[in-house]
Amino acid sequence: MTITAAMVKELRERTGSGMMECKKALVETNGDLEAAIDLMRKAGLAKASKKAGRTAAEGLIAMQVAGDGTCSAMVEVNCETDFVAKGEDFQDFSRRIVQRVLEARPAGLEALLDLPLEEGGEVTVETARKELIAKIGENINVRRFACLEAAPGNRIGAYLHGTRIGVLVELRGGDGALAKDIAMHVAASKPLAVTEDGIPAEVLEKEKEIITAQAAESGKPAEIVEKMVAGRLRKFVAEVTLHGQPFVKDPDTTVGQLLQRAGAEVLRFQRFEVGEGIEKASEDFAAEVMAQVRGS
C-alpha cells in the first residue's frame, strides 16, 4: 500500500511523533492508522523502561485550587533537564495530573498513576507518563502530590513561587489574605513544623547532641553549660517552627504573634520544592547533549 503524506500528517498529529517514525510505523502496519498508533505506543513503552534509572531532579510544581476555595492540590513532576521542564508537552502533562488529583482525591501515588489521565478515558497517568518519555527522550517521574481539603469553616491558602516551590496551608480563622501570606512565608522560610510539638523527635535529639557537645567545649561549669544548651535549643526551635519565625513581611513580628492578633490558627501545611532530597549527578554538559543526540 502507498503511504501518503496525508497519512503521515494525520499520524503525526495524533501521536506527536516525528515524520520518519510515523512513516516507518505506517509501512510496518501496511497503512493501518490505528495499528500504527498501537505499534508506536508499544515501542514508546519499551523506550521508557530503558530510561527509568536516569536521575530526574528538574521539573515543576503544578497547583490547582477548587472553585469554592475549600480544596487545593499540588503535584511535583520531575524530568532530567530544565529545558524539558519549560516545554509545553511537559507542562500540559503536569497540569492534567494536578487536575486529576483535585477531581479524584487518590489515596496515594500508586492510585494516582492508575487513574485515567482524562476522566472517563482509557489511557492511565502511568501510560501517559511512559508515552511522554518516549516522545521527549528524558526520564519523567510523578514524584508526589498533596491535596488539602479544609474542614467546615476553615480556608486553604495556596502559593506557587514560579514553578519550583508550592505551598498549601489550612487556616482556621483569619481571612484569605492572611492564608496566602502564611503560605508565602512558608515558601520563603521553610519551617519544619507549625510548633515545637510537630518537630520530629529524632531531629530535636540530634540538634541537642550537637549543641551539648559544642557547649561542653567552652570549659564552663556544668550548670552554665546546661543553661547554654537550653537557650540554644530554644533558639533552634524558634528558627525551624512556623510560630517562632519572623514574618517575612514584618521581621519584627513572629508568625505566632501575627496569628494571635488575627485570632487565627495554622492547622497544617505542605511545602514542595522541585528536586529537594534528590541526589543529582554532576555531568559534563557537552557529554549530556551528545548522549541525548544519540538517544541514550
C-alpha atoms as a PDB file:
ATOM      1  CA  MET A   1       0.000   0.000   0.000  1.00  0.00           C
ATOM      2  CA  THR A   2       1.238   3.504  -0.786  1.00  0.00           C
ATOM      3  CA  ILE A   3       1.910   5.634   2.306  1.00  0.00           C
ATOM      4  CA  THR A   4       0.764   9.152   1.501  1.00  0.00           C
ATOM      5  CA  ALA A   5       1.874  12.444   3.030  1.00  0.00           C
ATOM      6  CA  ALA A   6      -1.677  12.932   4.358  1.00  0.00           C
ATOM      7  CA  MET A   7      -1.485   9.645   6.274  1.00  0.00           C
ATOM      8  CA  VAL A   8       1.847  10.584   7.797  1.00  0.00           C
ATOM      9  CA  LYS A   9       0.479  14.019   8.717  1.00  0.00           C
ATOM     10  CA  GLU A  10      -2.547  12.537  10.471  1.00  0.00           C
ATOM     11  CA  LEU A  11      -0.410  10.097  12.438  1.00  0.00           C
ATOM     12  CA  ARG A  12       1.938  12.905  13.482  1.00  0.00           C
ATOM     13  CA  GLU A  13      -0.995  14.985  14.696  1.00  0.00           C
ATOM     14  CA  ARG A  14      -2.388  12.103  16.734  1.00  0.00           C
ATOM     15  CA  THR A  15       0.898  10.938  18.275  1.00  0.00           C
ATOM     16  CA  GLY A  16       3.166  13.993  18.270  1.00  0.00           C
ATOM     17  CA  SER A  17       5.988  11.825  16.915  1.00  0.00           C
ATOM     18  CA  GLY A  18       8.492  12.600  14.171  1.00  0.00           C
ATOM     19  CA  MET A  19       7.751  12.241  10.462  1.00  0.00           C
ATOM     20  CA  MET A  20      10.175   9.368   9.819  1.00  0.00           C
ATOM     21  CA  GLU A  21       8.959   7.451  12.875  1.00  0.00           C
ATOM     22  CA  CYS A  22       5.360   7.838  11.702  1.00  0.00           C
ATOM     23  CA  LYS A  23       6.152   6.754   8.163  1.00  0.00           C
ATOM     24  CA  LYS A  24       8.037   3.695   9.417  1.00  0.00           C
ATOM     25  CA  ALA A  25       5.104   2.656  11.607  1.00  0.00           C
ATOM     26  CA  LEU A  26       2.661   3.046   8.718  1.00  0.00           C
ATOM     27  CA  VAL A  27       4.878   0.950   6.440  1.00  0.00           C
ATOM     28  CA  GLU A  28       5.092  -1.796   9.078  1.00  0.00           C
ATOM     29  CA  THR A  29       1.311  -1.837   9.526  1.00  0.00           C
ATOM     30  CA  ASN A  30       0.520  -1.571   5.799  1.00  0.00           C
ATOM     31  CA  GLY A  31      -1.120   1.828   6.205  1.00  0.00           C
ATOM     32  CA  ASP A  32      -3.414   0.857   9.095  1.00  0.00           C
ATOM     33  CA  LEU A  33      -3.542   4.053  11.162  1.00  0.00           C
ATOM     34  CA  GLU A  34      -4.888   2.523  14.389  1.00  0.00           C
ATOM     35  CA  ALA A  35      -2.423  -0.349  14.210  1.00  0.00           C
ATOM     36  CA  ALA A  36       0.393   2.141  13.650  1.00  0.00           C
ATOM     37  CA  ILE A  37      -0.653   4.057  16.772  1.00  0.00           C
ATOM     38  CA  ASP A  38      -0.653   0.817  18.812  1.00  0.00           C
ATOM     39  CA  LEU A  39       2.751  -0.138  17.408  1.00  0.00           C
ATOM     40  CA  MET A  40       4.226   3.262  18.280  1.00  0.00           C
ATOM     41  CA  ARG A  41       2.736   3.126  21.767  1.00  0.00           C
ATOM     42  CA  LYS A  42       4.314  -0.280  22.441  1.00  0.00           C
ATOM     43  CA  ALA A  43       7.673   0.938  21.132  1.00  0.00           C
ATOM     44  CA  GLY A  44       7.371   4.018  23.304  1.00  0.00           C
ATOM     45  CA  LEU A  45       6.742   1.995  26.456  1.00  0.00           C
ATOM     46  CA  ALA A  46       9.843  -0.087  25.712  1.00  0.00           C
ATOM     47  CA  LYS A  47      11.920   3.071  25.322  1.00  0.00           C
ATOM     48  CA  ALA A  48      10.538   4.451  28.575  1.00  0.00           C
ATOM     49  CA  SER A  49      11.625   1.412  30.572  1.00  0.00           C
ATOM     50  CA  LYS A  50      15.227   1.933  29.414  1.00  0.00           C
ATOM     51  CA  LYS A  51      15.233   5.488  30.796  1.00  0.00           C
ATOM     52  CA  ALA A  52      13.701   4.622  34.177  1.00  0.00           C
ATOM     53  CA  GLY A  53      17.037   4.546  36.012  1.00  0.00           C
ATOM     54  CA  ARG A  54      18.145   8.028  34.941  1.00  0.00           C
ATOM     55  CA  THR A  55      18.095  10.809  37.520  1.00  0.00           C
ATOM     56  CA  ALA A  56      15.199  13.229  37.148  1.00  0.00           C
ATOM     57  CA  ALA A  57      15.780  16.143  39.534  1.00  0.00           C
ATOM     58  CA  GLU A  58      14.400  19.029  37.465  1.00  0.00           C
ATOM     59  CA  GLY A  59      10.718  19.622  36.740  1.00  0.00           C
ATOM     60  CA  LEU A  60       7.935  21.714  38.186  1.00  0.00           C
ATOM     61  CA  ILE A  61       5.287  22.068  40.864  1.00  0.00           C
ATOM     62  CA  ALA A  62       1.770  22.302  39.435  1.00  0.00           C
ATOM     63  CA  MET A  63      -1.086  23.614  41.564  1.00  0.00           C
ATOM     64  CA  GLN A  64      -4.846  23.916  41.230  1.00  0.00           C
ATOM     65  CA  VAL A  65      -7.467  25.374  43.572  1.00  0.00           C
ATOM     66  CA  ALA A  66     -11.104  24.256  43.600  1.00  0.00           C
ATOM     67  CA  GLY A  67     -13.646  26.848  42.531  1.00  0.00           C
ATOM     68  CA  ASP A  68     -15.015  27.319  46.065  1.00  0.00           C
ATOM     69  CA  GLY A  69     -11.504  27.599  47.547  1.00  0.00           C
ATOM     70  CA  THR A  70     -12.052  24.824  50.098  1.00  0.00           C
ATOM     71  CA  CYS A  71      -9.672  22.347  48.475  1.00  0.00           C
ATOM     72  CA  SER A  72      -6.325  22.685  46.713  1.00  0.00           C
ATOM     73  CA  ALA A  73      -3.925  20.224  45.133  1.00  0.00           C
ATOM     74  CA  MET A  74      -0.323  20.313  44.043  1.00  0.00           C
ATOM     75  CA  VAL A  75       1.980  17.797  42.420  1.00  0.00           C
ATOM     76  CA  GLU A  76       5.706  17.524  41.725  1.00  0.00           C
ATOM     77  CA  VAL A  77       6.586  16.123  38.319  1.00  0.00           C
ATOM     78  CA  ASN A  78      10.270  15.604  37.537  1.00  0.00           C
ATOM     79  CA  CYS A  79      12.334  15.418  34.359  1.00  0.00           C
ATOM     80  CA  GLU A  80      16.057  15.456  33.645  1.00  0.00           C
ATOM     81  CA  THR A  81      16.606  18.999  32.349  1.00  0.00           C
ATOM     82  CA  ASP A  82      15.212  22.480  32.890  1.00  0.00           C
ATOM     83  CA  PHE A  83      14.776  22.747  29.112  1.00  0.00           C
ATOM     84  CA  VAL A  84      12.175  19.963  29.096  1.00  0.00           C
ATOM     85  CA  ALA A  85      10.514  21.378  32.250  1.00  0.00           C
ATOM     86  CA  LYS A  86       9.765  24.564  30.285  1.00  0.00           C
ATOM     87  CA  GLY A  87       8.283  22.677  27.333  1.00  0.00           C
ATOM     88  CA  GLU A  88       4.570  22.777  26.534  1.00  0.00           C
ATOM     89  CA  ASP A  89       4.137  18.977  26.491  1.00  0.00           C
ATOM     90  CA  PHE A  90       5.658  18.522  29.958  1.00  0.00           C
ATOM     91  CA  GLN A  91       3.724  21.434  31.448  1.00  0.00           C
ATOM     92  CA  ASP A  92       0.434  20.263  29.938  1.00  0.00           C
ATOM     93  CA  PHE A  93       1.017  16.750  31.323  1.00  0.00           C
ATOM     94  CA  SER A  94       1.679  18.205  34.789  1.00  0.00           C
ATOM     95  CA  ARG A  95      -1.462  20.383  34.681  1.00  0.00           C
ATOM     96  CA  ARG A  96      -3.588  17.400  33.720  1.00  0.00           C
ATOM     97  CA  ILE A  97      -2.218  15.371  36.635  1.00  0.00           C
ATOM     98  CA  VAL A  98      -2.920  18.019  39.273  1.00  0.00           C
ATOM     99  CA  GLN A  99      -6.426  18.384  37.848  1.00  0.00           C
ATOM    100  CA  ARG A 100      -6.969  14.636  38.304  1.00  0.00           C
ATOM    101  CA  VAL A 101      -5.701  14.860  41.888  1.00  0.00           C
ATOM    102  CA  LEU A 102      -8.243  17.583  42.623  1.00  0.00           C
ATOM    103  CA  GLU A 103     -11.055  15.662  40.893  1.00  0.00           C
ATOM    104  CA  ALA A 104     -10.374  12.146  42.187  1.00  0.00           C
ATOM    105  CA  ARG A 105      -8.510  12.704  45.508  1.00  0.00           C
ATOM    106  CA  PRO A 106      -6.436   9.497  45.111  1.00  0.00           C
ATOM    107  CA  ALA A 107      -5.316   7.722  48.274  1.00  0.00           C
ATOM    108  CA  GLY A 108      -1.680   7.512  47.236  1.00  0.00           C
ATOM    109  CA  LEU A 109       0.812   7.763  44.383  1.00  0.00           C
ATOM    110  CA  GLU A 110       0.077   4.286  43.054  1.00  0.00           C
ATOM    111  CA  ALA A 111      -3.638   5.101  42.936  1.00  0.00           C
ATOM    112  CA  LEU A 112      -2.880   8.340  41.090  1.00  0.00           C
ATOM    113  CA  LEU A 113      -0.776   6.545  38.467  1.00  0.00           C
ATOM    114  CA  ASP A 114      -3.629   4.074  37.897  1.00  0.00           C
ATOM    115  CA  LEU A 115      -6.174   6.847  37.253  1.00  0.00           C
ATOM    116  CA  PRO A 116      -7.202   7.723  33.682  1.00  0.00           C
ATOM    117  CA  LEU A 117      -5.347  10.884  32.651  1.00  0.00           C
ATOM    118  CA  GLU A 118      -8.700  12.216  31.409  1.00  0.00           C
ATOM    119  CA  GLU A 119     -11.834  11.441  33.408  1.00  0.00           C
ATOM    120  CA  GLY A 120     -13.607   8.592  31.643  1.00  0.00           C
ATOM    121  CA  GLY A 121     -10.644   7.927  29.361  1.00  0.00           C
ATOM    122  CA  GLU A 122      -8.707   4.700  28.837  1.00  0.00           C
ATOM    123  CA  VAL A 123      -5.097   5.965  28.985  1.00  0.00           C
ATOM    124  CA  THR A 124      -3.830   5.971  32.574  1.00  0.00           C
ATOM    125  CA  VAL A 125      -1.494   8.545  34.088  1.00  0.00           C
ATOM    126  CA  GLU A 126       1.261   5.912  34.121  1.00  0.00           C
ATOM    127  CA  THR A 127       0.799   5.022  30.450  1.00  0.00           C
ATOM    128  CA  ALA A 128       0.715   8.705  29.500  1.00  0.00           C
ATOM    129  CA  ARG A 129       3.920   9.227  31.502  1.00  0.00           C
ATOM    130  CA  LYS A 130       5.719   6.475  29.585  1.00  0.00           C
ATOM    131  CA  GLU A 131       4.448   7.749  26.263  1.00  0.00           C
ATOM    132  CA  LEU A 132       5.730  11.232  27.094  1.00  0.00           C
ATOM    133  CA  ILE A 133       9.139   9.750  27.967  1.00  0.00           C
ATOM    134  CA  ALA A 134       9.244   8.127  24.524  1.00  0.00           C
ATOM    135  CA  LYS A 135       8.256  11.383  22.850  1.00  0.00           C
ATOM    136  CA  ILE A 136      10.579  13.724  24.770  1.00  0.00           C
ATOM    137  CA  GLY A 137      13.517  11.381  25.313  1.00  0.00           C
ATOM    138  CA  GLU A 138      14.004  12.045  29.028  1.00  0.00           C
ATOM    139  CA  ASN A 139      13.051  10.165  32.166  1.00  0.00           C
ATOM    140  CA  ILE A 140       9.896  11.646  33.733  1.00  0.00           C
ATOM    141  CA  ASN A 141       8.530  10.858  37.191  1.00  0.00           C
ATOM    142  CA  VAL A 142       5.389  11.824  39.036  1.00  0.00           C
ATOM    143  CA  ARG A 143       7.115  12.093  42.397  1.00  0.00           C
ATOM    144  CA  ARG A 144       4.495  13.184  44.935  1.00  0.00           C
ATOM    145  CA  PHE A 145       1.266  15.072  45.433  1.00  0.00           C
ATOM    146  CA  ALA A 146      -0.709  16.768  48.186  1.00  0.00           C
ATOM    147  CA  CYS A 147      -4.391  17.544  48.417  1.00  0.00           C
ATOM    148  CA  LEU A 148      -5.651  19.687  51.297  1.00  0.00           C
ATOM    149  CA  GLU A 149      -9.372  19.916  51.949  1.00  0.00           C
ATOM    150  CA  ALA A 150     -10.437  22.442  54.561  1.00  0.00           C
ATOM    151  CA  ALA A 151     -12.706  21.408  57.409  1.00  0.00           C
ATOM    152  CA  PRO A 152     -16.007  23.356  57.574  1.00  0.00           C
ATOM    153  CA  GLY A 153     -15.308  26.982  58.479  1.00  0.00           C
ATOM    154  CA  ASN A 154     -11.608  26.777  57.616  1.00  0.00           C
ATOM    155  CA  ARG A 155      -9.841  28.001  54.476  1.00  0.00           C
ATOM    156  CA  ILE A 156      -6.931  26.910  52.286  1.00  0.00           C
ATOM    157  CA  GLY A 157      -4.069  29.270  51.479  1.00  0.00           C
ATOM    158  CA  ALA A 158      -2.110  28.454  48.320  1.00  0.00           C
ATOM    159  CA  TYR A 159       1.075  29.972  46.970  1.00  0.00           C
ATOM    160  CA  LEU A 160       3.166  28.983  43.949  1.00  0.00           C
ATOM    161  CA  HIS A 161       6.592  30.594  43.591  1.00  0.00           C
ATOM    162  CA  GLY A 162       7.256  30.377  39.863  1.00  0.00           C
ATOM    163  CA  THR A 163       7.045  26.672  39.128  1.00  0.00           C
ATOM    164  CA  ARG A 164       9.633  25.447  41.648  1.00  0.00           C
ATOM    165  CA  ILE A 165       8.102  25.930  45.115  1.00  0.00           C
ATOM    166  CA  GLY A 166       4.498  25.281  46.108  1.00  0.00           C
ATOM    167  CA  VAL A 167       2.780  25.622  49.489  1.00  0.00           C
ATOM    168  CA  LEU A 168      -0.686  24.717  50.768  1.00  0.00           C
ATOM    169  CA  VAL A 169      -1.860  25.870  54.216  1.00  0.00           C
ATOM    170  CA  GLU A 170      -5.046  25.114  56.161  1.00  0.00           C
ATOM    171  CA  LEU A 171      -6.064  28.062  58.322  1.00  0.00           C
ATOM    172  CA  ARG A 172      -8.736  28.356  60.987  1.00  0.00           C
ATOM    173  CA  GLY A 173      -9.902  31.940  61.392  1.00  0.00           C
ATOM    174  CA  GLY A 174      -8.368  34.934  59.646  1.00  0.00           C
ATOM    175  CA  ASP A 175      -9.078  35.711  56.008  1.00  0.00           C
ATOM    176  CA  GLY A 176      -7.904  34.791  52.525  1.00  0.00           C
ATOM    177  CA  ALA A 177      -5.155  37.402  52.504  1.00  0.00           C
ATOM    178  CA  LEU A 178      -3.688  36.035  55.747  1.00  0.00           C
ATOM    179  CA  ALA A 179      -3.856  32.466  54.443  1.00  0.00           C
ATOM    180  CA  LYS A 180      -1.925  33.457  51.319  1.00  0.00           C
ATOM    181  CA  ASP A 181       0.618  35.458  53.364  1.00  0.00           C
ATOM    182  CA  ILE A 182       1.274  32.436  55.584  1.00  0.00           C
ATOM    183  CA  ALA A 183       1.703  30.212  52.519  1.00  0.00           C
ATOM    184  CA  MET A 184       4.137  32.742  51.051  1.00  0.00           C
ATOM    185  CA  HIS A 185       6.077  32.802  54.318  1.00  0.00           C
ATOM    186  CA  VAL A 186       6.327  29.003  54.369  1.00  0.00           C
ATOM    187  CA  ALA A 187       7.687  29.075  50.811  1.00  0.00           C
ATOM    188  CA  ALA A 188      10.390  31.582  51.773  1.00  0.00           C
ATOM    189  CA  SER A 189      11.348  30.392  55.272  1.00  0.00           C
ATOM    190  CA  LYS A 190      10.901  26.611  55.011  1.00  0.00           C
ATOM    191  CA  PRO A 191       9.717  25.767  58.553  1.00  0.00           C
ATOM    192  CA  LEU A 192       9.870  22.139  59.667  1.00  0.00           C
ATOM    193  CA  ALA A 193       6.642  22.281  61.656  1.00  0.00           C
ATOM    194  CA  VAL A 194       3.939  24.636  62.904  1.00  0.00           C
ATOM    195  CA  THR A 195       5.079  24.409  66.537  1.00  0.00           C
ATOM    196  CA  GLU A 196       7.692  22.537  68.582  1.00  0.00           C
ATOM    197  CA  ASP A 197       5.283  19.609  69.035  1.00  0.00           C
ATOM    198  CA  GLY A 198       5.489  18.938  65.295  1.00  0.00           C
ATOM    199  CA  ILE A 199       9.283  18.690  65.099  1.00  0.00           C
ATOM    200  CA  PRO A 200      10.337  15.032  64.731  1.00  0.00           C
ATOM    201  CA  ALA A 201      11.847  13.740  67.978  1.00  0.00           C
ATOM    202  CA  GLU A 202      14.986  12.496  66.207  1.00  0.00           C
ATOM    203  CA  VAL A 203      15.637  15.973  64.771  1.00  0.00           C
ATOM    204  CA  LEU A 204      15.410  17.587  68.221  1.00  0.00           C
ATOM    205  CA  GLU A 205      17.587  14.897  69.782  1.00  0.00           C
ATOM    206  CA  LYS A 206      20.294  15.230  67.140  1.00  0.00           C
ATOM    207  CA  GLU A 207      20.354  19.021  67.488  1.00  0.00           C
ATOM    208  CA  LYS A 208      20.550  18.721  71.276  1.00  0.00           C
ATOM    209  CA  GLU A 209      23.551  16.370  70.968  1.00  0.00           C
ATOM    210  CA  ILE A 210      25.365  18.848  68.701  1.00  0.00           C
ATOM    211  CA  ILE A 211      24.581  21.830  70.922  1.00  0.00           C
ATOM    212  CA  THR A 212      25.624  19.927  74.069  1.00  0.00           C
ATOM    213  CA  ALA A 213      28.966  18.905  72.530  1.00  0.00           C
ATOM    214  CA  GLN A 214      29.654  22.494  71.446  1.00  0.00           C
ATOM    215  CA  ALA A 215      28.743  23.928  74.858  1.00  0.00           C
ATOM    216  CA  ALA A 216      30.896  21.360  76.680  1.00  0.00           C
ATOM    217  CA  GLU A 217      33.967  22.598  74.787  1.00  0.00           C
ATOM    218  CA  SER A 218      33.571  26.041  76.392  1.00  0.00           C
ATOM    219  CA  GLY A 219      35.059  24.745  79.654  1.00  0.00           C
ATOM    220  CA  LYS A 220      32.361  26.452  81.717  1.00  0.00           C
ATOM    221  CA  PRO A 221      30.801  24.858  84.829  1.00  0.00           C
ATOM    222  CA  ALA A 222      28.127  22.206  84.267  1.00  0.00           C
ATOM    223  CA  GLU A 223      25.251  24.415  85.423  1.00  0.00           C
ATOM    224  CA  ILE A 224      26.284  27.131  82.935  1.00  0.00           C
ATOM    225  CA  VAL A 225      26.612  24.568  80.149  1.00  0.00           C
ATOM    226  CA  GLU A 226      23.093  23.328  80.917  1.00  0.00           C
ATOM    227  CA  LYS A 227      21.701  26.870  80.581  1.00  0.00           C
ATOM    228  CA  MET A 228      23.637  27.378  77.331  1.00  0.00           C
ATOM    229  CA  VAL A 229      22.158  24.190  75.897  1.00  0.00           C
ATOM    230  CA  ALA A 230      18.617  25.155  76.898  1.00  0.00           C
ATOM    231  CA  GLY A 231      18.998  28.629  75.398  1.00  0.00           C
ATOM    232  CA  ARG A 232      20.450  27.425  72.117  1.00  0.00           C
ATOM    233  CA  LEU A 233      17.799  24.727  71.813  1.00  0.00           C
ATOM    234  CA  ARG A 234      15.060  27.340  72.267  1.00  0.00           C
ATOM    235  CA  LYS A 235      16.693  29.409  69.532  1.00  0.00           C
ATOM    236  CA  PHE A 236      16.791  26.384  67.218  1.00  0.00           C
ATOM    237  CA  VAL A 237      13.097  25.643  67.826  1.00  0.00           C
ATOM    238  CA  ALA A 238      12.213  29.269  67.036  1.00  0.00           C
ATOM    239  CA  GLU A 239      14.200  29.135  63.806  1.00  0.00           C
ATOM    240  CA  VAL A 240      12.563  25.960  62.451  1.00  0.00           C
ATOM    241  CA  THR A 241       8.942  26.378  63.592  1.00  0.00           C
ATOM    242  CA  LEU A 242       6.366  28.493  61.810  1.00  0.00           C
ATOM    243  CA  HIS A 243       5.246  30.175  65.046  1.00  0.00           C
ATOM    244  CA  GLY A 244       8.776  31.117  66.056  1.00  0.00           C
ATOM    245  CA  GLN A 245       9.998  32.535  62.734  1.00  0.00           C
ATOM    246  CA  PRO A 246       9.989  36.284  61.993  1.00  0.00           C
ATOM    247  CA  PHE A 247       7.211  37.004  59.491  1.00  0.00           C
ATOM    248  CA  VAL A 248       8.731  37.682  56.055  1.00  0.00           C
ATOM    249  CA  LYS A 249       6.669  40.840  55.544  1.00  0.00           C
ATOM    250  CA  ASP A 250       7.378  42.198  59.042  1.00  0.00           C
ATOM    251  CA  PRO A 251      10.547  40.749  60.648  1.00  0.00           C
ATOM    252  CA  ASP A 252       9.772  42.495  63.950  1.00  0.00           C
ATOM    253  CA  THR A 253       6.741  40.210  64.360  1.00  0.00           C
ATOM    254  CA  THR A 254       6.792  36.440  64.625  1.00  0.00           C
ATOM    255  CA  VAL A 255       4.259  34.397  62.689  1.00  0.00           C
ATOM    256  CA  GLY A 256       2.880  33.195  66.030  1.00  0.00           C
ATOM    257  CA  GLN A 257       2.226  36.800  67.096  1.00  0.00           C
ATOM    258  CA  LEU A 258       0.664  37.589  63.719  1.00  0.00           C
ATOM    259  CA  LEU A 259      -1.730  34.660  64.040  1.00  0.00           C
ATOM    260  CA  GLN A 260      -2.616  35.548  67.623  1.00  0.00           C
ATOM    261  CA  ARG A 261      -3.539  39.094  66.653  1.00  0.00           C
ATOM    262  CA  ALA A 262      -5.761  37.804  63.855  1.00  0.00           C
ATOM    263  CA  GLY A 263      -7.362  35.173  66.065  1.00  0.00           C
ATOM    264  CA  ALA A 264      -6.226  32.546  63.588  1.00  0.00           C
ATOM    265  CA  GLU A 265      -4.519  29.148  63.746  1.00  0.00           C
ATOM    266  CA  VAL A 266      -2.478  27.192  61.188  1.00  0.00           C
ATOM    267  CA  LEU A 267      -3.589  23.577  61.370  1.00  0.00           C
ATOM    268  CA  ARG A 268      -1.180  22.126  58.798  1.00  0.00           C
ATOM    269  CA  PHE A 269       0.866  22.934  55.737  1.00  0.00           C
ATOM    270  CA  GLN A 270       2.568  21.190  52.833  1.00  0.00           C
ATOM    271  CA  ARG A 271       5.625  22.587  51.086  1.00  0.00           C
ATOM    272  CA  PHE A 272       7.095  21.112  47.890  1.00  0.00           C
ATOM    273  CA  GLU A 273      10.309  22.253  46.236  1.00  0.00           C
ATOM    274  CA  VAL A 274      11.426  20.785  42.932  1.00  0.00           C
ATOM    275  CA  GLY A 275      14.156  18.192  43.333  1.00  0.00           C
ATOM    276  CA  GLU A 276      14.619  18.547  47.103  1.00  0.00           C
ATOM    277  CA  GLY A 277      16.241  15.411  48.503  1.00  0.00           C
ATOM    278  CA  ILE A 278      17.136  14.015  45.064  1.00  0.00           C
ATOM    279  CA  GLU A 279      20.852  13.474  44.617  1.00  0.00           C
ATOM    280  CA  LYS A 280      21.696  14.998  41.272  1.00  0.00           C
ATOM    281  CA  ALA A 281      24.666  13.564  39.397  1.00  0.00           C
ATOM    282  CA  SER A 282      27.179  16.122  38.139  1.00  0.00           C
ATOM    283  CA  GLU A 283      27.723  15.552  34.435  1.00  0.00           C
ATOM    284  CA  ASP A 284      29.676  17.223  31.697  1.00  0.00           C
ATOM    285  CA  PHE A 285      27.206  19.379  29.714  1.00  0.00           C
ATOM    286  CA  ALA A 286      28.701  18.527  26.315  1.00  0.00           C
ATOM    287  CA  ALA A 287      28.548  14.827  27.134  1.00  0.00           C
ATOM    288  CA  GLU A 288      24.931  15.212  28.266  1.00  0.00           C
ATOM    289  CA  VAL A 289      23.945  16.872  24.993  1.00  0.00           C
ATOM    290  CA  MET A 290      25.757  14.210  22.986  1.00  0.00           C
ATOM    291  CA  ALA A 291      24.002  11.466  24.954  1.00  0.00           C
ATOM    292  CA  GLN A 292      20.628  12.993  24.149  1.00  0.00           C
ATOM    293  CA  VAL A 293      21.513  13.346  20.465  1.00  0.00           C
ATOM    294  CA  ARG A 294      22.388   9.665  20.379  1.00  0.00           C
ATOM    295  CA  GLY A 295      19.085   8.863  22.061  1.00  0.00           C
ATOM    296  CA  SER A 296      20.650   7.096  25.021  1.00  0.00           C
END
